[in-house]
N, C-alpha and C. Protein backbone atom coordinates (compact mmCIF):
# COMPACT_ATOMS: atom_id res chain seq x y z
N MET A 1 0.84 -1.18 0.00
CA MET A 1 0.00 0.00 0.00
C MET A 1 0.88 1.25 0.00
N ASN A 2 0.51 2.22 -0.78
CA ASN A 2 1.28 3.45 -0.90
C ASN A 2 0.89 4.42 0.21
N ALA A 3 1.83 4.78 1.07
CA ALA A 3 1.55 5.66 2.21
C ALA A 3 1.33 7.10 1.79
N MET A 4 1.67 7.47 0.55
CA MET A 4 1.54 8.85 0.10
C MET A 4 0.13 9.19 -0.41
N VAL A 5 -0.68 8.19 -0.67
CA VAL A 5 -2.00 8.41 -1.23
C VAL A 5 -2.99 8.75 -0.11
N ASP A 6 -3.79 9.80 -0.31
CA ASP A 6 -4.79 10.17 0.68
C ASP A 6 -5.91 9.15 0.71
N ASP A 7 -6.44 8.89 1.91
CA ASP A 7 -7.61 8.05 2.07
C ASP A 7 -8.83 8.92 1.85
N LYS A 8 -9.54 8.71 0.74
CA LYS A 8 -10.63 9.59 0.36
C LYS A 8 -11.89 9.39 1.20
N THR A 9 -11.90 8.40 2.07
CA THR A 9 -13.05 8.23 2.95
C THR A 9 -12.95 9.16 4.15
N LYS A 10 -11.80 9.75 4.36
CA LYS A 10 -11.61 10.68 5.48
C LYS A 10 -12.02 12.08 5.06
N ARG A 11 -12.40 12.90 6.03
CA ARG A 11 -12.84 14.25 5.76
C ARG A 11 -11.68 15.26 5.83
N ALA A 12 -10.58 14.88 6.41
CA ALA A 12 -9.42 15.77 6.54
C ALA A 12 -8.25 15.19 5.75
N PRO A 13 -7.40 16.05 5.23
CA PRO A 13 -6.24 15.55 4.49
C PRO A 13 -5.25 14.86 5.42
N GLN A 14 -4.49 13.91 4.89
CA GLN A 14 -3.48 13.23 5.69
C GLN A 14 -2.34 14.17 6.03
N ASP A 15 -1.98 15.03 5.11
CA ASP A 15 -0.91 15.99 5.34
C ASP A 15 -1.54 17.35 5.58
N THR A 16 -1.66 17.74 6.85
CA THR A 16 -2.31 19.01 7.17
C THR A 16 -1.35 20.19 7.12
N LYS A 17 -0.13 19.95 6.65
CA LYS A 17 0.82 21.06 6.49
C LYS A 17 0.75 21.67 5.10
N LEU A 18 0.18 20.91 4.15
CA LEU A 18 0.10 21.38 2.77
C LEU A 18 -1.36 21.39 2.31
N ILE A 19 -1.71 22.38 1.51
CA ILE A 19 -3.06 22.50 0.98
C ILE A 19 -3.07 22.05 -0.47
N SER A 20 -3.97 21.13 -0.76
CA SER A 20 -4.16 20.67 -2.13
C SER A 20 -5.51 21.17 -2.62
N LEU A 21 -5.54 21.70 -3.82
CA LEU A 21 -6.79 22.18 -4.40
C LEU A 21 -7.32 21.22 -5.46
N THR A 22 -6.81 20.00 -5.47
CA THR A 22 -7.21 19.04 -6.50
C THR A 22 -8.33 18.12 -6.06
N GLU A 23 -8.59 18.04 -4.76
CA GLU A 23 -9.63 17.14 -4.25
C GLU A 23 -10.72 17.95 -3.55
N ASP A 24 -11.97 17.66 -3.87
CA ASP A 24 -13.09 18.39 -3.28
C ASP A 24 -13.12 18.30 -1.76
N TYR A 25 -12.84 17.09 -1.22
CA TYR A 25 -12.89 16.95 0.23
C TYR A 25 -11.82 17.78 0.92
N GLU A 26 -10.67 17.99 0.28
CA GLU A 26 -9.64 18.83 0.87
C GLU A 26 -10.04 20.30 0.79
N ILE A 27 -10.63 20.71 -0.32
CA ILE A 27 -11.11 22.10 -0.44
C ILE A 27 -12.17 22.35 0.62
N ASP A 28 -13.09 21.40 0.81
CA ASP A 28 -14.12 21.54 1.85
C ASP A 28 -13.49 21.68 3.23
N TYR A 29 -12.49 20.86 3.51
CA TYR A 29 -11.82 20.90 4.81
C TYR A 29 -11.17 22.27 5.06
N TRP A 30 -10.38 22.73 4.08
CA TRP A 30 -9.63 23.98 4.28
C TRP A 30 -10.54 25.20 4.30
N THR A 31 -11.58 25.22 3.47
CA THR A 31 -12.48 26.38 3.49
C THR A 31 -13.24 26.45 4.81
N GLU A 32 -13.61 25.30 5.35
CA GLU A 32 -14.28 25.30 6.66
C GLU A 32 -13.30 25.70 7.76
N LYS A 33 -12.10 25.19 7.70
CA LYS A 33 -11.09 25.50 8.72
C LYS A 33 -10.77 26.99 8.76
N PHE A 34 -10.60 27.60 7.59
CA PHE A 34 -10.24 29.02 7.53
C PHE A 34 -11.46 29.94 7.46
N GLY A 35 -12.63 29.37 7.22
CA GLY A 35 -13.85 30.18 7.14
C GLY A 35 -13.87 31.11 5.93
N VAL A 36 -13.41 30.58 4.79
CA VAL A 36 -13.37 31.38 3.56
C VAL A 36 -14.04 30.63 2.42
N ALA A 37 -14.36 31.34 1.36
CA ALA A 37 -14.91 30.74 0.16
C ALA A 37 -13.80 30.00 -0.60
N PRO A 38 -14.16 29.02 -1.42
CA PRO A 38 -13.15 28.31 -2.22
C PRO A 38 -12.31 29.24 -3.08
N GLU A 39 -12.92 30.29 -3.61
CA GLU A 39 -12.19 31.24 -4.44
C GLU A 39 -11.11 31.96 -3.63
N ALA A 40 -11.44 32.32 -2.40
CA ALA A 40 -10.46 33.00 -1.54
C ALA A 40 -9.32 32.05 -1.19
N LEU A 41 -9.63 30.79 -0.94
CA LEU A 41 -8.59 29.80 -0.65
C LEU A 41 -7.67 29.64 -1.85
N ALA A 42 -8.25 29.53 -3.04
CA ALA A 42 -7.44 29.37 -4.26
C ALA A 42 -6.55 30.58 -4.48
N THR A 43 -7.08 31.77 -4.25
CA THR A 43 -6.28 32.98 -4.41
C THR A 43 -5.11 32.99 -3.44
N ALA A 44 -5.39 32.63 -2.19
CA ALA A 44 -4.33 32.61 -1.18
C ALA A 44 -3.24 31.60 -1.54
N VAL A 45 -3.63 30.43 -2.01
CA VAL A 45 -2.64 29.41 -2.41
C VAL A 45 -1.81 29.91 -3.59
N ARG A 46 -2.45 30.58 -4.55
CA ARG A 46 -1.70 31.14 -5.69
C ARG A 46 -0.70 32.19 -5.23
N ARG A 47 -1.08 32.97 -4.23
CA ARG A 47 -0.22 34.07 -3.79
C ARG A 47 0.96 33.61 -2.93
N VAL A 48 0.72 32.65 -1.99
CA VAL A 48 1.78 32.30 -1.04
C VAL A 48 2.24 30.85 -1.11
N GLY A 49 1.61 30.04 -1.94
CA GLY A 49 2.01 28.64 -2.05
C GLY A 49 1.10 27.71 -1.26
N HIS A 50 1.46 26.46 -1.17
CA HIS A 50 0.60 25.41 -0.61
C HIS A 50 0.79 25.19 0.89
N SER A 51 1.67 25.90 1.55
CA SER A 51 1.88 25.76 2.98
C SER A 51 0.65 26.25 3.73
N ALA A 52 0.07 25.37 4.57
CA ALA A 52 -1.12 25.75 5.35
C ALA A 52 -0.82 26.91 6.28
N GLN A 53 0.37 26.93 6.86
CA GLN A 53 0.74 28.01 7.77
C GLN A 53 0.81 29.35 7.03
N LYS A 54 1.43 29.37 5.85
CA LYS A 54 1.53 30.61 5.09
C LYS A 54 0.16 31.08 4.60
N VAL A 55 -0.70 30.15 4.18
CA VAL A 55 -2.04 30.51 3.74
C VAL A 55 -2.83 31.09 4.92
N ASP A 56 -2.72 30.47 6.08
CA ASP A 56 -3.41 30.97 7.28
C ASP A 56 -2.95 32.39 7.61
N GLU A 57 -1.65 32.62 7.59
CA GLU A 57 -1.12 33.96 7.87
C GLU A 57 -1.61 34.96 6.83
N TYR A 58 -1.62 34.56 5.58
CA TYR A 58 -2.08 35.44 4.50
C TYR A 58 -3.55 35.80 4.67
N LEU A 59 -4.38 34.80 4.96
CA LEU A 59 -5.81 35.04 5.10
C LEU A 59 -6.12 35.93 6.30
N ARG A 60 -5.32 35.84 7.34
CA ARG A 60 -5.51 36.72 8.52
C ARG A 60 -5.09 38.15 8.21
N ARG A 61 -4.12 38.30 7.33
CA ARG A 61 -3.53 39.61 7.03
C ARG A 61 -4.29 40.38 5.96
N VAL A 62 -4.85 39.68 4.99
CA VAL A 62 -5.45 40.32 3.83
C VAL A 62 -6.97 40.40 4.00
N PRO A 63 -7.57 41.56 3.78
CA PRO A 63 -9.03 41.65 3.87
C PRO A 63 -9.71 40.74 2.86
N GLN A 64 -10.82 40.12 3.25
CA GLN A 64 -11.52 39.17 2.39
C GLN A 64 -11.99 39.81 1.08
N THR A 65 -12.27 41.09 1.10
CA THR A 65 -12.77 41.74 -0.12
C THR A 65 -11.70 41.80 -1.20
N SER A 66 -10.44 41.70 -0.84
CA SER A 66 -9.38 41.77 -1.85
C SER A 66 -9.01 40.39 -2.39
N LEU A 67 -9.63 39.35 -1.88
CA LEU A 67 -9.32 38.00 -2.34
C LEU A 67 -10.25 37.63 -3.49
N THR A 68 -9.85 37.99 -4.67
CA THR A 68 -10.66 37.69 -5.84
C THR A 68 -9.93 36.76 -6.77
N ILE A 69 -10.69 36.08 -7.57
CA ILE A 69 -10.10 35.17 -8.55
C ILE A 69 -9.56 35.99 -9.72
N MET A 70 -8.42 35.60 -10.21
CA MET A 70 -7.90 36.25 -11.40
C MET A 70 -8.81 35.89 -12.56
N ARG A 71 -9.33 36.86 -13.23
CA ARG A 71 -10.24 36.62 -14.34
C ARG A 71 -9.46 36.47 -15.64
N PRO A 72 -9.94 35.60 -16.52
CA PRO A 72 -9.26 35.47 -17.82
C PRO A 72 -9.49 36.73 -18.63
N PRO A 73 -8.63 37.00 -19.59
CA PRO A 73 -8.81 38.19 -20.42
C PRO A 73 -10.11 38.12 -21.20
N ARG A 74 -10.61 39.27 -21.59
CA ARG A 74 -11.84 39.32 -22.38
C ARG A 74 -11.62 38.65 -23.73
N PRO A 75 -12.66 38.02 -24.26
CA PRO A 75 -12.50 37.40 -25.58
C PRO A 75 -12.30 38.48 -26.64
N PRO A 76 -11.66 38.13 -27.74
CA PRO A 76 -11.45 39.12 -28.81
C PRO A 76 -12.79 39.48 -29.46
N PRO A 77 -12.82 40.57 -30.18
CA PRO A 77 -14.05 40.94 -30.89
C PRO A 77 -14.50 39.78 -31.79
N SER A 78 -15.81 39.68 -31.99
CA SER A 78 -16.35 38.55 -32.75
C SER A 78 -15.71 38.46 -34.13
N GLY A 79 -15.56 37.25 -34.57
CA GLY A 79 -14.97 37.01 -35.89
C GLY A 79 -13.45 36.92 -35.86
N ARG A 80 -12.83 37.20 -34.71
CA ARG A 80 -11.37 37.12 -34.62
C ARG A 80 -10.99 36.04 -33.63
N ARG A 81 -9.85 35.43 -33.85
CA ARG A 81 -9.34 34.41 -32.96
C ARG A 81 -8.22 35.03 -32.12
N TRP A 82 -7.91 34.36 -30.99
CA TRP A 82 -6.84 34.89 -30.12
C TRP A 82 -5.53 35.03 -30.88
N CYS A 83 -5.22 34.06 -31.70
CA CYS A 83 -3.95 34.13 -32.41
C CYS A 83 -3.91 35.28 -33.42
N ASP A 84 -5.07 35.76 -33.87
CA ASP A 84 -5.10 36.89 -34.78
C ASP A 84 -4.78 38.21 -34.09
N THR A 85 -4.90 38.24 -32.76
CA THR A 85 -4.69 39.49 -32.03
C THR A 85 -3.24 39.65 -31.61
N LEU A 86 -2.42 38.63 -31.83
CA LEU A 86 -1.01 38.72 -31.42
C LEU A 86 -0.17 39.43 -32.43
């Protein structure tokens, strides 16, 4: 048995020092633990990395209103493709 694989029947991650955004149960755990929306958690992980301690410090320091998801660029005008705009 591989000791590195998370047991998906559990509600908490096996490694509580690192945050993974790839599993729904881990996102549920961390958003409940920190009391933030999934988008805010994802933003914090993008900004400071996957360390639970660094994310916790970041979320305490940064106002919730500034935790927004990076939006993709607007689509090009109709009839044009992205590669045509380069």
